[in-house]
Amino acid sequence: MKIANKVVNVPLSGGLLGTIGSSPKSRLSIEIEAANKHGWNVKQVLPASSGSLLYSLLRIILLVITLFLYTIEPGYYLILEKDITHNS
């Protein structure tokens, strides 16, 4: 029995629209259900944090330009695994 692994990035939106419109729990639930339908099992959920100063600056600039309505958020990484059977 072989096991395949896959990493999925679940991005989130921030700002006022992200606060009102979407929740991290629902976004993760949707992605996990979609992966389960294709036979993938969740092994681990990790926060996708970026320590990049340039990325943080870009998020702040985008938030100011959109008048605090929208910005990008780091989100989460889903580590998925799936059993692979070979018919030989």
C-alpha atoms as a PDB file:
ATOM      1  CA  MET A   1       0.000   0.000   0.000  1.00  0.00           C
ATOM      2  CA  LYS A   2       1.342   3.381  -1.010  1.00  0.00           C
ATOM      3  CA  ILE A   3       0.267   6.744   0.324  1.00  0.00           C
ATOM      4  CA  ALA A   4       0.105   9.956  -1.718  1.00  0.00           C
ATOM      5  CA  ASN A   5       0.343  13.353  -0.028  1.00  0.00           C
ATOM      6  CA  LYS A   6      -0.944  16.716  -1.147  1.00  0.00           C
ATOM      7  CA  VAL A   7      -0.834  20.250   0.287  1.00  0.00           C
ATOM      8  CA  VAL A   8      -3.760  22.609  -0.326  1.00  0.00           C
ATOM      9  CA  ASN A   9      -3.643  26.333   0.415  1.00  0.00           C
ATOM     10  CA  VAL A  10      -6.914  27.764   1.778  1.00  0.00           C
ATOM     11  CA  PRO A  11      -6.663  31.555   1.380  1.00  0.00           C
ATOM     12  CA  LEU A  12      -8.825  33.904   3.405  1.00  0.00           C
ATOM     13  CA  SER A  13      -9.965  37.454   2.792  1.00  0.00           C
ATOM     14  CA  GLY A  14      -9.641  40.177   5.365  1.00  0.00           C
ATOM     15  CA  GLY A  15     -10.845  43.682   5.924  1.00  0.00           C
ATOM     16  CA  LEU A  16     -14.461  44.588   6.435  1.00  0.00           C
ATOM     17  CA  LEU A  17     -15.737  42.286   3.675  1.00  0.00           C
ATOM     18  CA  GLY A  18     -13.771  39.334   5.030  1.00  0.00           C
ATOM     19  CA  THR A  19     -15.051  39.940   8.537  1.00  0.00           C
ATOM     20  CA  ILE A  20     -18.682  40.081   7.443  1.00  0.00           C
ATOM     21  CA  GLY A  21     -18.714  37.674   4.519  1.00  0.00           C
ATOM     22  CA  SER A  22     -16.616  34.631   5.291  1.00  0.00           C
ATOM     23  CA  SER A  23     -15.430  32.669   8.273  1.00  0.00           C
ATOM     24  CA  PRO A  24     -12.298  30.508   8.426  1.00  0.00           C
ATOM     25  CA  LYS A  25     -14.364  27.599   9.746  1.00  0.00           C
ATOM     26  CA  SER A  26     -16.700  27.573   6.744  1.00  0.00           C
ATOM     27  CA  ARG A  27     -13.839  27.949   4.232  1.00  0.00           C
ATOM     28  CA  LEU A  28     -11.968  25.028   5.824  1.00  0.00           C
ATOM     29  CA  SER A  29     -15.144  22.945   5.946  1.00  0.00           C
ATOM     30  CA  ILE A  30     -15.815  23.497   2.233  1.00  0.00           C
ATOM     31  CA  GLU A  31     -12.250  22.554   1.252  1.00  0.00           C
ATOM     32  CA  ILE A  32     -12.192  19.472   3.484  1.00  0.00           C
ATOM     33  CA  GLU A  33     -15.528  18.221   2.130  1.00  0.00           C
ATOM     34  CA  ALA A  34     -14.293  18.658  -1.448  1.00  0.00           C
ATOM     35  CA  ALA A  35     -11.096  16.740  -0.662  1.00  0.00           C
ATOM     36  CA  ASN A  36     -13.032  13.947   1.062  1.00  0.00           C
ATOM     37  CA  LYS A  37     -15.234  13.487  -2.012  1.00  0.00           C
ATOM     38  CA  HIS A  38     -12.082  12.744  -4.014  1.00  0.00           C
ATOM     39  CA  GLY A  39     -10.782  10.236  -1.466  1.00  0.00           C
ATOM     40  CA  TRP A  40      -8.320  12.480   0.400  1.00  0.00           C
ATOM     41  CA  ASN A  41      -8.093  12.466   4.188  1.00  0.00           C
ATOM     42  CA  VAL A  42      -6.928  15.442   6.234  1.00  0.00           C
ATOM     43  CA  LYS A  43      -3.714  14.673   8.073  1.00  0.00           C
ATOM     44  CA  GLN A  44      -2.988  18.122   9.516  1.00  0.00           C
ATOM     45  CA  VAL A  45      -4.111  21.768   9.344  1.00  0.00           C
ATOM     46  CA  LEU A  46      -1.387  24.420   9.613  1.00  0.00           C
ATOM     47  CA  PRO A  47      -1.700  28.209   9.735  1.00  0.00           C
ATOM     48  CA  ALA A  48      -0.079  29.768   6.668  1.00  0.00           C
ATOM     49  CA  SER A  49       1.905  32.556   8.256  1.00  0.00           C
ATOM     50  CA  SER A  50       4.327  34.618   6.245  1.00  0.00           C
ATOM     51  CA  GLY A  51       7.139  36.434   7.980  1.00  0.00           C
ATOM     52  CA  SER A  52       7.846  38.520   4.904  1.00  0.00           C
ATOM     53  CA  LEU A  53       7.962  42.258   5.484  1.00  0.00           C
ATOM     54  CA  LEU A  54       7.116  42.909   1.822  1.00  0.00           C
ATOM     55  CA  TYR A  55       3.982  40.728   2.069  1.00  0.00           C
ATOM     56  CA  SER A  56       2.833  42.553   5.226  1.00  0.00           C
ATOM     57  CA  LEU A  57       3.419  45.923   3.574  1.00  0.00           C
ATOM     58  CA  LEU A  58       1.451  44.837   0.499  1.00  0.00           C
ATOM     59  CA  ARG A  59      -1.478  43.784   2.710  1.00  0.00           C
ATOM     60  CA  ILE A  60      -1.522  47.161   4.486  1.00  0.00           C
ATOM     61  CA  ILE A  61      -1.337  49.102   1.209  1.00  0.00           C
ATOM     62  CA  LEU A  62      -4.172  47.030  -0.288  1.00  0.00           C
ATOM     63  CA  LEU A  63      -6.273  47.596   2.836  1.00  0.00           C
ATOM     64  CA  VAL A  64      -5.776  51.390   2.654  1.00  0.00           C
ATOM     65  CA  ILE A  65      -6.423  51.565  -1.110  1.00  0.00           C
ATOM     66  CA  THR A  66      -9.708  49.689  -0.742  1.00  0.00           C
ATOM     67  CA  LEU A  67     -10.754  51.934   2.184  1.00  0.00           C
ATOM     68  CA  PHE A  68     -10.473  49.066   4.694  1.00  0.00           C
ATOM     69  CA  LEU A  69     -12.914  46.900   2.743  1.00  0.00           C
ATOM     70  CA  TYR A  70     -10.592  44.145   1.515  1.00  0.00           C
ATOM     71  CA  THR A  71      -7.154  42.669   2.018  1.00  0.00           C
ATOM     72  CA  ILE A  72      -5.555  39.269   1.613  1.00  0.00           C
ATOM     73  CA  GLU A  73      -5.014  37.030   4.628  1.00  0.00           C
ATOM     74  CA  PRO A  74      -2.545  34.150   4.911  1.00  0.00           C
ATOM     75  CA  GLY A  75      -5.139  31.407   5.544  1.00  0.00           C
ATOM     76  CA  TYR A  76      -4.308  27.750   6.196  1.00  0.00           C
ATOM     77  CA  TYR A  77      -2.473  24.800   4.659  1.00  0.00           C
ATOM     78  CA  LEU A  78      -4.269  21.456   4.568  1.00  0.00           C
ATOM     79  CA  ILE A  79      -1.998  18.415   4.537  1.00  0.00           C
ATOM     80  CA  LEU A  80      -3.920  15.616   2.812  1.00  0.00           C
ATOM     81  CA  GLU A  81      -3.152  11.939   2.280  1.00  0.00           C
ATOM     82  CA  LYS A  82      -4.697   9.195   0.162  1.00  0.00           C
ATOM     83  CA  ASP A  83      -4.121   5.457  -0.095  1.00  0.00           C
ATOM     84  CA  ILE A  84      -3.086   4.381  -3.577  1.00  0.00           C
ATOM     85  CA  THR A  85      -3.621   0.822  -4.780  1.00  0.00           C
ATOM     86  CA  HIS A  86      -1.917  -0.427  -7.926  1.00  0.00           C
ATOM     87  CA  ASN A  87      -3.548  -3.109 -10.041  1.00  0.00           C
ATOM     88  CA  SER A  88      -0.591  -4.970 -11.521  1.00  0.00           C
END
